[in-house]
Amino acid sequence: MRPTVRPTCRPDPPRKCQESRLSARAKRSGLSGLRVDDAGIHATSRAEAILDVHVDGRRIFSFWLHRDGVPEGEGHLMAWPETLRSFLDGSARITVAEHGTDQVAFDEQVVLGAGTGIIKFETADGKPIALDKSMRRVQTFDTRSAEHVVPLMRAIDDVLKVLHGLGIDAFLAYGTLLGAVRNGQLIGHDSDADLGYVSHYEHPADVMRESFNLQRALMERGYPVTRYSGAAFKVDVRESDGSVRGLDVFGGFMLDGKLHLMGEIITPFRSEWVLPLGTATLEGWEFAVPADTDRFLTATYGAGWRVPDPAFHFPTPRSTHRRFNGWFRGTRDGRNVWDRFYSVSREPSFEPTDVGRWAAESEPDAVHVVDLGCGYGSDVWWFAGRGVKATGLDFVRRSYEDMAARVRDDGRDATYLFFNPLELRSALSTAALVARTEGPRVLLSRHMIDSMHTGARLTLWRAADMMLRDGGRLYLQFLAVAGKDGYAARLRSTPLDPDRIAAELEASGATIVHRELRDVTTSQGVSGASQICRMVVQWDR
């Protein structure tokens, strides 16, 4: 079917007025005293209020005043989201409007920070950004044209056809379904697309096997895929201007009369409310949808699904989280934290870390260095610049994307690979790939194990053993004591007992040839200093 192409819907900008002209309707709602400063947005409201924050006419984020703010006198303060703080230096016209109404509570030119320049929320290459409901930086659909979203529509169409061809009755889900049913358009404040399916299996293990088979089928078609959990993954779709958009595929199944769907739904449901699939139009394209979209969206968003709420949070019971975590998760432990950490633009460092220098001084004849948990990849860049083959491994691809591009452009002998010690399949397959290269290796691990649970560490030791089959050593550094110097917080590290780590390594067949405990500060014995443990480890054959 040839799609009908039309412009993507953009929300109208809020009507503007000064605080002194706050309408009678706003006063009846109880919203008053709204002001904006470096701390955030201050307001008083008797009842909960959903507020949209616009900067120079464009919505940047939305929030619930009582739920998301903190009490302050008789009102609440909504602090600026951490992901926006690096932009807040300069002046801009800030408008705060009650969502879903024509009513503006604040509209003034505001100076923040040192007041230099103009505040602009955009990427380094000038693409507009906003925050999603989880306060992550994204490019929302209200800033994209029809031309930009056509590749996403094609990908949805293609992925659905692949899944249908494999016997999977996949359909539009979550926000994508919501937009299709409401008005046939992508939701302006949304930033990705969602598909779902209800498996014919009932056992979680079978659902997981099926999900991995679907992932492989899509990867064979050339789609980059990132796995969220045992039953959900993301397909990366590149838009016409090079931006990458996520297409999430959520698996589900029926058990004991309840729909279990990743994305945190366990609710009484009937199979006939899903199948046979119907169709709906989205941006001029016709796609599969559940048989009863009303019941499906009610199960997803509640009875008020027809009313837009860009700050909506899923009210998931703790029991649902625990059940899905036990069945399907573990492969993305900490992923949200690190995705957010690496979503913030930082100046790249081309100098080695302390562990990189330590290994270089100890192994002057190294021929291949492998950085476990390479982060931004500076050690890989530095070693490759010294003529040493270098490989960086990390489970957050965006962390090393920029450095990987620099390495390619510079022609250095360096590689970056996805490596997830939370998933045995990923860890051992990557370790086997590294082990296939000839010669001894030097492994680096700088504060990687500080943010991993025991099971992941045991997988890491097994992978390290594989990568050192031809000889070499692991240079390991981790936090042993969290002091008062803020070191642990900066690294998001949890202190570990060196004796316990030594016992784990020795149980894996390793020999610890060097071990030391030292203060983080240059002056030993400083009161309140954090302490790190360093170990040099080898697996003897």
Protein backbone atom coordinates (compact mmCIF):
# COMPACT_ATOMS: atom_id res chain seq x y z
CA MET A 1 0.00 0.00 0.00
CA ARG A 2 1.35 3.43 -0.94
CA PRO A 3 1.31 5.63 2.16
CA THR A 4 -0.29 9.04 2.19
CA VAL A 5 2.44 11.42 3.30
CA ARG A 6 1.43 14.52 5.23
CA PRO A 7 3.20 16.75 7.74
CA THR A 8 3.68 15.42 11.23
CA CYS A 9 1.34 17.12 13.69
CA ARG A 10 2.92 19.83 15.81
CA PRO A 11 1.19 21.18 18.90
CA ASP A 12 0.21 24.82 18.90
CA PRO A 13 2.45 27.01 21.06
CA PRO A 14 0.87 28.21 24.30
CA ARG A 15 -0.90 31.55 24.36
CA LYS A 16 1.20 34.12 26.09
CA CYS A 17 0.41 36.40 29.00
CA GLN A 18 2.24 37.90 31.94
CA GLU A 19 2.00 36.51 35.47
CA SER A 20 -0.15 39.50 36.43
CA ARG A 21 -2.66 38.51 33.75
CA LEU A 22 -3.18 35.00 35.07
CA SER A 23 -6.67 34.09 33.95
CA ALA A 24 -9.63 33.53 36.22
CA ARG A 25 -9.57 29.87 35.29
CA ALA A 26 -6.00 29.50 36.59
CA LYS A 27 -6.98 31.20 39.83
CA ARG A 28 -9.90 28.80 40.26
CA SER A 29 -7.54 25.86 39.76
CA GLY A 30 -5.45 27.13 42.66
CA LEU A 31 -2.23 27.65 40.68
CA SER A 32 -0.45 30.82 41.79
CA GLY A 33 2.87 32.37 42.73
CA LEU A 34 4.71 30.86 39.80
CA ARG A 35 8.27 32.05 39.27
CA VAL A 36 11.36 30.70 37.53
CA ASP A 37 14.98 31.02 38.67
CA ASP A 38 18.25 29.08 38.80
CA ALA A 39 16.79 26.60 41.29
CA GLY A 40 13.85 25.68 39.09
CA ILE A 41 10.13 26.38 38.88
CA HIS A 42 8.31 27.53 42.02
CA ALA A 43 4.52 27.35 42.23
CA THR A 44 1.62 26.92 44.61
CA SER A 45 -1.43 24.83 43.80
CA ARG A 46 -4.16 23.38 45.99
CA ALA A 47 -4.66 20.47 43.60
CA GLU A 48 -2.20 18.52 41.48
CA ALA A 49 -1.27 20.40 38.31
CA ILE A 50 0.36 19.12 35.12
CA LEU A 51 2.63 21.83 33.74
CA ASP A 52 4.37 22.19 30.38
CA VAL A 53 7.62 24.16 30.23
CA HIS A 54 8.24 25.94 26.91
CA VAL A 55 11.42 27.75 25.98
CA ASP A 56 11.12 30.26 23.15
CA GLY A 57 7.83 28.69 22.08
CA ARG A 58 8.91 25.04 22.11
CA ARG A 59 7.89 22.51 24.79
CA ILE A 60 10.97 21.15 26.57
CA PHE A 61 9.47 19.04 29.35
CA SER A 62 6.37 18.47 31.46
CA PHE A 63 5.85 17.55 35.10
CA TRP A 64 3.31 17.04 37.86
CA LEU A 65 3.85 19.77 40.42
CA HIS A 66 3.08 17.77 43.58
CA ARG A 67 4.37 14.39 42.42
CA ASP A 68 7.64 15.58 40.89
CA GLY A 69 8.35 18.71 42.93
CA VAL A 70 9.46 19.04 46.54
CA PRO A 71 7.51 20.96 49.21
CA GLU A 72 8.69 24.55 49.64
CA GLY A 73 6.80 26.72 52.09
CA GLU A 74 3.17 26.69 51.01
CA GLY A 75 4.07 25.55 47.49
CA HIS A 76 6.41 23.26 45.60
CA LEU A 77 9.72 23.55 43.79
CA MET A 78 10.35 21.60 40.61
CA ALA A 79 14.13 21.65 40.32
CA TRP A 80 15.62 21.86 36.85
CA PRO A 81 16.20 18.29 35.64
CA GLU A 82 19.85 17.32 35.87
CA THR A 83 19.92 16.55 32.15
CA LEU A 84 19.16 20.21 31.35
CA ARG A 85 21.51 21.98 33.74
CA SER A 86 24.41 22.23 31.31
CA PHE A 87 22.20 24.39 29.04
CA LEU A 88 20.99 26.82 31.70
CA ASP A 89 23.32 29.76 31.15
CA GLY A 90 21.88 32.73 29.31
CA SER A 91 18.49 34.20 28.60
CA ALA A 92 15.33 32.77 27.10
CA ARG A 93 11.60 33.34 27.05
CA ILE A 94 10.19 30.73 29.41
CA THR A 95 6.51 29.89 29.36
CA VAL A 96 4.83 27.57 31.85
CA ALA A 97 1.35 26.42 30.87
CA GLU A 98 -1.21 24.10 32.41
CA HIS A 99 -1.27 21.08 30.15
CA GLY A 100 -4.42 20.46 28.18
CA THR A 101 -5.75 23.99 28.64
CA ASP A 102 -5.28 27.27 26.83
CA GLN A 103 -3.98 28.77 30.03
CA VAL A 104 -0.52 30.15 30.66
CA ALA A 105 0.65 30.66 34.23
CA PHE A 106 4.03 32.27 33.50
CA ASP A 107 5.53 33.92 30.43
CA GLU A 108 8.65 36.06 30.85
CA GLN A 109 12.16 36.60 29.57
CA VAL A 110 14.35 34.90 32.16
CA VAL A 111 18.10 35.12 32.78
CA LEU A 112 19.76 32.03 34.26
CA GLY A 113 23.31 31.23 35.35
CA ALA A 114 25.87 33.86 34.40
CA GLY A 115 23.41 35.21 31.85
CA THR A 116 25.79 34.96 28.92
CA GLY A 117 24.33 34.20 25.51
CA ILE A 118 21.02 32.62 24.60
CA ILE A 119 19.70 29.40 26.11
CA LYS A 120 19.17 26.80 23.39
CA PHE A 121 18.21 23.19 23.96
CA GLU A 122 19.82 21.45 21.03
CA THR A 123 22.55 18.98 20.14
CA ALA A 124 26.04 20.02 19.12
CA ASP A 125 24.96 19.86 15.47
CA GLY A 126 21.89 22.01 16.07
CA LYS A 127 19.11 19.42 16.39
CA PRO A 128 16.41 20.41 18.89
CA ILE A 129 16.10 18.28 22.00
CA ALA A 130 13.54 17.95 24.78
CA LEU A 131 12.98 15.61 27.73
CA ASP A 132 10.77 12.54 27.74
CA LYS A 133 8.65 11.46 30.69
CA SER A 134 11.75 9.89 32.29
CA MET A 135 13.63 13.20 31.92
CA ARG A 136 16.00 11.80 29.31
CA ARG A 137 17.22 13.98 26.46
CA VAL A 138 15.45 13.03 23.23
CA GLN A 139 14.41 14.43 19.88
CA THR A 140 10.63 14.50 20.14
CA PHE A 141 8.37 14.00 17.15
CA ASP A 142 6.99 17.55 17.34
CA THR A 143 10.33 18.79 15.99
CA ARG A 144 10.41 16.35 13.07
CA SER A 145 8.94 16.71 9.59
CA ALA A 146 7.15 14.03 7.57
CA GLU A 147 10.39 13.49 5.65
CA HIS A 148 12.26 12.75 8.87
CA VAL A 149 9.81 10.13 10.13
CA VAL A 150 9.31 8.23 6.86
CA PRO A 151 12.27 5.88 7.59
CA LEU A 152 10.68 5.05 10.95
CA MET A 153 7.34 4.30 9.28
CA ARG A 154 9.11 2.06 6.76
CA ALA A 155 10.93 0.29 9.57
CA ILE A 156 7.69 -0.30 11.48
CA ASP A 157 6.14 -1.70 8.30
CA ASP A 158 9.14 -3.91 7.58
CA VAL A 159 9.57 -5.19 11.14
CA LEU A 160 5.87 -6.02 11.39
CA LYS A 161 6.09 -7.94 8.11
CA VAL A 162 9.12 -9.89 9.35
CA LEU A 163 7.40 -10.76 12.62
CA HIS A 164 4.14 -11.68 10.90
CA GLY A 165 6.11 -13.89 8.51
CA LEU A 166 7.52 -15.73 11.52
CA GLY A 167 4.05 -16.37 12.88
CA ILE A 168 4.14 -13.54 15.42
CA ASP A 169 0.97 -11.42 15.56
CA ALA A 170 2.75 -8.14 16.30
CA PHE A 171 0.98 -4.78 16.51
CA LEU A 172 1.42 -1.12 17.40
CA ALA A 173 1.65 -0.69 21.17
CA TYR A 174 1.97 1.92 23.92
CA GLY A 175 2.46 5.51 22.73
CA THR A 176 2.55 4.55 19.06
CA LEU A 177 -0.83 2.84 19.32
CA LEU A 178 -2.11 5.78 21.36
CA GLY A 179 -1.22 8.23 18.59
CA ALA A 180 -2.72 6.04 15.88
CA VAL A 181 -6.02 5.65 17.74
CA ARG A 182 -6.30 9.26 18.92
CA ASN A 183 -5.69 11.08 15.67
CA GLY A 184 -3.60 8.92 13.33
CA GLN A 185 -0.40 10.79 14.14
CA LEU A 186 2.73 10.28 16.20
CA ILE A 187 2.40 11.93 19.60
CA GLY A 188 4.34 15.18 19.56
CA HIS A 189 6.00 14.69 22.95
CA ASP A 190 6.95 11.06 22.20
CA SER A 191 10.37 10.10 20.88
CA ASP A 192 10.31 6.44 19.89
CA ALA A 193 8.00 3.80 18.44
CA ASP A 194 6.61 0.72 20.15
CA LEU A 195 5.50 -2.68 18.91
CA GLY A 196 4.09 -5.50 20.98
CA TYR A 197 2.99 -9.08 20.53
CA VAL A 198 1.34 -11.78 22.59
CA SER A 199 3.25 -15.04 22.27
CA HIS A 200 1.53 -18.36 21.73
CA TYR A 201 3.74 -19.68 24.55
CA GLU A 202 2.85 -19.42 28.22
CA HIS A 203 6.16 -20.24 29.91
CA PRO A 204 8.62 -17.33 30.36
CA ALA A 205 11.55 -19.48 29.22
CA ASP A 206 9.81 -20.21 25.91
CA VAL A 207 8.90 -16.53 25.53
CA MET A 208 12.57 -15.61 25.95
CA ARG A 209 13.78 -18.18 23.41
CA GLU A 210 11.25 -16.84 20.95
CA SER A 211 12.34 -13.24 21.54
CA PHE A 212 16.00 -14.08 20.85
CA ASN A 213 14.96 -15.85 17.64
CA LEU A 214 13.13 -12.70 16.55
CA GLN A 215 16.19 -10.61 17.33
CA ARG A 216 18.38 -12.83 15.17
CA ALA A 217 15.90 -12.65 12.29
CA LEU A 218 15.93 -8.85 12.38
CA MET A 219 19.71 -8.66 12.68
CA GLU A 220 19.97 -10.86 9.58
CA ARG A 221 18.04 -8.13 7.77
CA GLY A 222 20.70 -5.63 8.81
CA TYR A 223 18.94 -3.96 11.74
CA PRO A 224 21.11 -2.99 14.73
CA VAL A 225 19.43 -4.43 17.83
CA THR A 226 19.96 -3.68 21.53
CA ARG A 227 18.40 -6.06 24.03
CA TYR A 228 16.50 -4.63 26.98
CA SER A 229 15.60 -7.88 28.69
CA GLY A 230 14.81 -11.51 27.97
CA ALA A 231 11.56 -10.48 26.28
CA ALA A 232 12.15 -6.99 24.88
CA PHE A 233 14.63 -5.32 22.57
CA LYS A 234 15.17 -2.14 20.56
CA VAL A 235 15.72 -1.81 16.83
CA ASP A 236 17.76 1.26 15.81
CA VAL A 237 16.32 3.20 12.87
CA ARG A 238 18.31 5.96 11.18
CA GLU A 239 16.23 8.94 10.04
CA SER A 240 16.85 11.00 6.92
CA ASP A 241 19.09 13.50 8.74
CA GLY A 242 21.14 10.79 10.46
CA SER A 243 19.32 10.85 13.79
CA VAL A 244 18.79 7.42 15.34
CA ARG A 245 15.29 6.55 16.53
CA GLY A 246 14.38 3.54 18.67
CA LEU A 247 11.75 0.99 17.64
CA ASP A 248 10.97 -1.07 20.74
CA VAL A 249 9.62 -4.61 20.45
CA PHE A 250 7.90 -5.82 23.63
CA GLY A 251 7.05 -9.48 24.09
CA GLY A 252 4.04 -10.65 26.04
CA PHE A 253 2.02 -13.75 26.83
CA MET A 254 -1.21 -14.89 28.42
CA LEU A 255 -1.09 -16.81 31.70
CA ASP A 256 -3.91 -17.60 34.12
CA GLY A 257 -6.29 -15.23 32.37
CA LYS A 258 -3.88 -12.29 32.56
CA LEU A 259 -1.95 -10.40 29.92
CA HIS A 260 1.75 -10.15 30.77
CA LEU A 261 3.40 -7.53 28.52
CA MET A 262 6.88 -6.10 28.92
CA GLY A 263 6.68 -2.44 29.71
CA GLU A 264 5.12 -3.43 33.03
CA ILE A 265 1.63 -4.76 32.41
CA ILE A 266 0.05 -7.68 34.23
CA THR A 267 -3.72 -7.36 34.08
CA PRO A 268 -6.82 -9.53 33.60
CA PHE A 269 -7.36 -9.81 29.87
CA ARG A 270 -8.86 -11.97 27.14
CA SER A 271 -7.10 -13.27 24.06
CA GLU A 272 -9.99 -12.15 21.84
CA TRP A 273 -9.24 -8.55 22.82
CA VAL A 274 -5.92 -8.94 20.98
CA LEU A 275 -6.71 -11.34 18.13
CA PRO A 276 -7.67 -11.25 15.37
CA LEU A 277 -5.68 -8.10 14.71
CA GLY A 278 -7.33 -5.01 13.33
CA THR A 279 -5.72 -2.06 11.54
CA ALA A 280 -5.25 1.65 12.17
CA THR A 281 -3.60 4.47 10.25
CA LEU A 282 -0.48 6.22 11.52
CA GLU A 283 1.08 9.07 9.54
CA GLY A 284 -0.72 7.77 6.43
CA TRP A 285 0.49 4.18 6.87
CA GLU A 286 -1.80 1.29 7.75
CA PHE A 287 -0.55 -0.95 10.57
CA ALA A 288 -1.77 -3.86 12.67
CA VAL A 289 -3.36 -3.06 16.04
CA PRO A 290 -5.05 -5.16 18.77
CA ALA A 291 -8.62 -6.25 18.10
CA ASP A 292 -9.99 -4.07 20.90
CA THR A 293 -7.83 -0.96 21.08
CA ASP A 294 -10.03 0.62 23.77
CA ARG A 295 -9.52 -2.26 26.20
CA PHE A 296 -5.84 -2.53 25.31
CA LEU A 297 -5.15 1.17 25.90
CA THR A 298 -7.20 1.11 29.10
CA ALA A 299 -5.01 -1.76 30.33
CA THR A 300 -1.95 0.27 29.34
CA TYR A 301 -2.78 3.80 30.48
CA GLY A 302 -5.98 3.56 32.48
CA ALA A 303 -9.47 4.80 31.65
CA GLY A 304 -8.16 8.33 30.98
CA TRP A 305 -6.02 7.30 28.01
CA ARG A 306 -7.86 9.66 25.65
CA VAL A 307 -6.50 12.71 27.51
CA PRO A 308 -2.83 13.45 26.63
CA ASP A 309 -0.34 13.56 29.52
CA PRO A 310 3.32 14.05 28.50
CA ALA A 311 4.41 13.48 32.14
CA PHE A 312 2.56 10.16 32.49
CA HIS A 313 4.24 7.56 34.71
CA PHE A 314 3.24 3.91 34.68
CA PRO A 315 1.71 3.14 38.10
CA THR A 316 3.22 -0.35 38.17
CA PRO A 317 2.66 -2.47 41.28
CA ARG A 318 5.84 -3.66 42.99
CA SER A 319 4.69 -7.25 42.48
CA THR A 320 4.70 -6.74 38.70
CA HIS A 321 8.24 -5.33 38.77
CA ARG A 322 9.46 -8.22 40.89
CA ARG A 323 7.85 -10.83 38.67
CA PHE A 324 9.21 -9.40 35.42
CA ASN A 325 12.63 -8.86 36.99
CA GLY A 326 12.73 -12.47 38.11
CA TRP A 327 11.63 -13.83 34.76
CA PHE A 328 13.24 -11.59 32.18
CA ARG A 329 15.68 -9.06 33.55
CA GLY A 330 19.21 -8.99 34.82
CA THR A 331 20.75 -8.36 31.40
CA ARG A 332 20.24 -4.59 31.79
CA ASP A 333 20.94 -4.05 35.48
CA GLY A 334 22.05 -0.42 35.80
CA ARG A 335 21.47 0.28 32.11
CA ASN A 336 19.18 3.27 32.70
CA VAL A 337 21.77 4.89 34.99
CA TRP A 338 24.61 4.48 32.51
CA ASP A 339 22.51 5.42 29.48
CA ARG A 340 21.68 8.70 31.20
CA PHE A 341 25.29 9.20 32.29
CA TYR A 342 26.57 8.83 28.74
CA SER A 343 23.75 10.88 27.20
CA VAL A 344 25.37 14.05 28.57
CA SER A 345 27.85 15.61 26.17
CA ARG A 346 31.36 15.87 27.60
CA GLU A 347 34.66 17.03 26.19
CA PRO A 348 36.56 13.91 25.08
CA SER A 349 39.76 13.04 26.90
CA PHE A 350 42.66 11.78 24.84
CA GLU A 351 44.87 11.08 27.84
CA PRO A 352 45.04 7.70 29.58
CA THR A 353 43.36 6.93 32.89
CA ASP A 354 45.39 6.11 35.98
CA VAL A 355 44.90 2.41 35.24
CA GLY A 356 46.01 2.91 31.65
CA ARG A 357 49.27 4.53 32.78
CA TRP A 358 49.79 1.87 35.45
CA ALA A 359 49.44 -0.93 32.89
CA ALA A 360 51.63 0.88 30.34
CA GLU A 361 54.44 1.29 32.87
CA SER A 362 54.13 -2.33 33.99
CA GLU A 363 53.80 -3.82 30.49
CA PRO A 364 56.07 -1.77 28.19
CA ASP A 365 56.10 -4.56 25.57
CA ALA A 366 52.33 -5.08 25.42
CA VAL A 367 51.06 -5.97 21.94
CA HIS A 368 47.30 -6.03 22.61
CA VAL A 369 45.43 -4.14 25.33
CA VAL A 370 41.76 -4.87 26.10
CA ASP A 371 39.86 -2.33 28.21
CA LEU A 372 36.95 -3.97 30.07
CA GLY A 373 34.24 -1.36 30.66
CA CYS A 374 36.04 1.15 28.44
CA GLY A 375 33.49 3.95 28.89
CA TYR A 376 34.44 6.84 26.61
CA GLY A 377 37.34 4.80 25.26
CA SER A 378 40.24 7.14 26.03
CA ASP A 379 42.63 4.34 27.06
CA VAL A 380 41.95 2.50 23.80
CA TRP A 381 42.68 5.68 21.82
CA TRP A 382 45.87 6.33 23.77
CA PHE A 383 47.31 2.81 23.49
CA ALA A 384 46.49 2.63 19.78
CA GLY A 385 48.31 5.93 19.32
CA ARG A 386 51.42 4.29 20.81
CA GLY A 387 51.27 1.52 18.22
CA VAL A 388 49.60 -1.04 20.50
CA LYS A 389 46.58 -2.94 19.20
CA ALA A 390 43.68 -1.96 21.47
CA THR A 391 40.13 -3.19 22.02
CA GLY A 392 37.45 -1.48 24.11
CA LEU A 393 34.51 -3.41 25.57
CA ASP A 394 31.39 -1.87 27.10
CA PHE A 395 27.66 -2.55 27.35
CA VAL A 396 26.61 1.03 26.59
CA ARG A 397 27.39 1.55 22.93
CA ARG A 398 26.84 5.30 23.02
CA SER A 399 29.71 5.63 25.51
CA TYR A 400 32.36 4.86 22.91
CA GLU A 401 30.60 5.86 19.65
CA ASP A 402 32.41 9.19 19.25
CA MET A 403 35.83 7.75 20.02
CA ALA A 404 35.21 4.80 17.68
CA ALA A 405 34.55 7.27 14.86
CA ARG A 406 37.75 9.16 15.70
CA VAL A 407 39.71 5.90 15.70
CA ARG A 408 38.38 4.99 12.25
CA ASP A 409 39.13 8.44 10.85
CA ASP A 410 42.65 8.37 12.29
CA GLY A 411 43.38 4.84 11.04
CA ARG A 412 44.41 3.52 14.45
CA ASP A 413 44.53 -0.21 15.19
CA ALA A 414 41.64 -0.16 17.62
CA THR A 415 38.21 -1.75 17.93
CA TYR A 416 35.20 -1.20 20.17
CA LEU A 417 32.83 -4.09 20.89
CA PHE A 418 29.58 -4.58 22.80
CA PHE A 419 30.18 -6.60 25.97
CA ASN A 420 27.60 -7.35 28.63
CA PRO A 421 28.78 -9.43 31.63
CA LEU A 422 25.18 -9.49 32.85
CA GLU A 423 24.37 -11.83 29.96
CA LEU A 424 26.49 -14.99 29.69
CA ARG A 425 25.87 -15.34 25.96
CA SER A 426 27.12 -11.82 25.23
CA ALA A 427 30.12 -11.98 27.55
CA LEU A 428 31.46 -15.32 26.35
CA SER A 429 30.84 -14.70 22.64
CA THR A 430 32.73 -11.40 22.81
CA ALA A 431 35.48 -13.00 24.90
CA ALA A 432 35.82 -15.77 22.31
CA LEU A 433 36.10 -13.18 19.54
CA VAL A 434 38.89 -11.38 21.39
CA ALA A 435 40.64 -14.66 22.23
CA ARG A 436 40.84 -15.59 18.54
CA THR A 437 43.50 -12.94 17.97
CA GLU A 438 46.97 -14.36 18.51
CA GLY A 439 49.36 -13.44 21.28
CA PRO A 440 49.22 -12.43 24.93
CA ARG A 441 46.95 -9.64 26.06
CA VAL A 442 46.82 -7.04 28.80
CA LEU A 443 43.36 -6.54 30.29
CA LEU A 444 42.34 -3.33 32.07
CA SER A 445 39.39 -2.99 34.42
CA ARG A 446 38.95 0.40 36.06
CA HIS A 447 36.03 0.57 38.49
CA MET A 448 33.93 -1.77 36.38
CA ILE A 449 33.25 -4.34 39.07
CA ASP A 450 32.20 -1.61 41.55
CA SER A 451 28.83 -1.36 39.79
CA MET A 452 28.20 -5.08 39.17
CA HIS A 453 26.53 -7.76 41.24
CA THR A 454 28.22 -11.04 42.15
CA GLY A 455 26.85 -13.04 39.22
CA ALA A 456 28.15 -10.51 36.70
CA ARG A 457 31.59 -10.50 38.34
CA LEU A 458 31.82 -14.28 38.13
CA THR A 459 30.98 -14.06 34.43
CA LEU A 460 33.65 -11.38 34.04
CA TRP A 461 36.32 -13.61 35.61
CA ARG A 462 35.32 -16.42 33.24
CA ALA A 463 35.51 -14.09 30.24
CA ALA A 464 38.89 -12.72 31.39
CA ASP A 465 40.20 -16.27 31.70
CA MET A 466 39.16 -16.93 28.09
CA MET A 467 40.77 -13.73 26.80
CA LEU A 468 44.07 -14.56 28.53
CA ARG A 469 44.38 -18.11 27.20
CA ASP A 470 47.50 -17.12 25.25
CA GLY A 471 48.99 -15.38 28.28
CA GLY A 472 48.85 -11.95 29.80
CA ARG A 473 47.51 -10.26 32.92
CA LEU A 474 44.48 -8.39 34.21
CA TYR A 475 45.10 -4.98 35.81
CA LEU A 476 42.17 -4.50 38.15
CA GLN A 477 41.18 -1.41 40.13
CA PHE A 478 38.07 -1.04 42.30
CA LEU A 479 36.77 0.98 45.23
CA ALA A 480 37.54 -0.54 48.62
CA VAL A 481 36.54 2.29 50.98
CA ALA A 482 34.14 5.15 50.20
CA GLY A 483 35.53 8.25 51.91
CA LYS A 484 34.17 11.76 52.29
CA ASP A 485 35.83 13.10 49.15
CA GLY A 486 32.95 12.35 46.75
CA TYR A 487 35.04 9.89 44.73
CA ALA A 488 32.49 7.07 45.01
CA ALA A 489 29.60 9.30 43.92
CA ARG A 490 31.49 10.62 40.89
CA LEU A 491 32.19 7.09 39.69
CA ARG A 492 28.83 5.63 40.80
CA SER A 493 30.85 3.02 42.66
CA THR A 494 29.99 0.75 45.56
CA PRO A 495 32.90 -0.34 47.78
CA LEU A 496 33.90 -3.99 47.62
CA ASP A 497 35.80 -6.14 50.11
CA PRO A 498 39.23 -6.94 48.60
CA ASP A 499 39.33 -10.29 50.40
CA ARG A 500 36.04 -11.28 48.78
CA ILE A 501 37.25 -10.27 45.32
CA ALA A 502 40.49 -12.18 45.86
CA ALA A 503 38.51 -15.27 46.88
CA GLU A 504 36.33 -15.05 43.76
CA LEU A 505 39.38 -14.74 41.52
CA GLU A 506 41.21 -17.63 43.14
CA ALA A 507 38.09 -19.80 42.90
CA SER A 508 38.11 -19.11 39.14
CA GLY A 509 41.65 -20.46 38.90
CA ALA A 510 43.45 -17.12 38.96
CA THR A 511 46.62 -16.15 40.77
CA ILE A 512 46.94 -12.68 42.30
CA VAL A 513 50.52 -11.60 41.67
CA HIS A 514 50.16 -8.12 43.13
CA ARG A 515 47.73 -6.47 45.54
CA GLU A 516 47.76 -3.05 47.16
CA LEU A 517 45.41 -0.69 48.96
CA ARG A 518 45.95 3.02 48.45
CA ASP A 519 44.28 6.36 49.07
CA VAL A 520 42.70 8.07 46.10
CA THR A 521 44.43 11.36 46.97
CA THR A 522 48.07 11.90 46.10
CA SER A 523 48.94 12.34 49.77
CA GLN A 524 48.58 9.06 51.63
CA GLY A 525 46.72 9.02 54.93
CA VAL A 526 44.53 12.06 54.26
CA SER A 527 41.53 12.01 56.59
CA GLY A 528 38.32 11.02 54.84
CA ALA A 529 39.98 9.89 51.61
CA SER A 530 38.48 7.04 49.60
CA GLN A 531 40.66 3.99 49.09
CA ILE A 532 41.09 1.88 45.99
CA CYS A 533 42.37 -1.65 45.69
CA ARG A 534 44.65 -2.63 42.84
CA MET A 535 45.34 -6.20 41.80
CA VAL A 536 47.40 -7.79 39.05
CA VAL A 537 45.86 -11.12 38.13
CA GLN A 538 46.84 -13.96 35.83
CA TRP A 539 45.46 -17.38 34.99
CA ASP A 540 48.26 -19.96 34.87
CA ARG A 541 48.01 -22.84 32.40
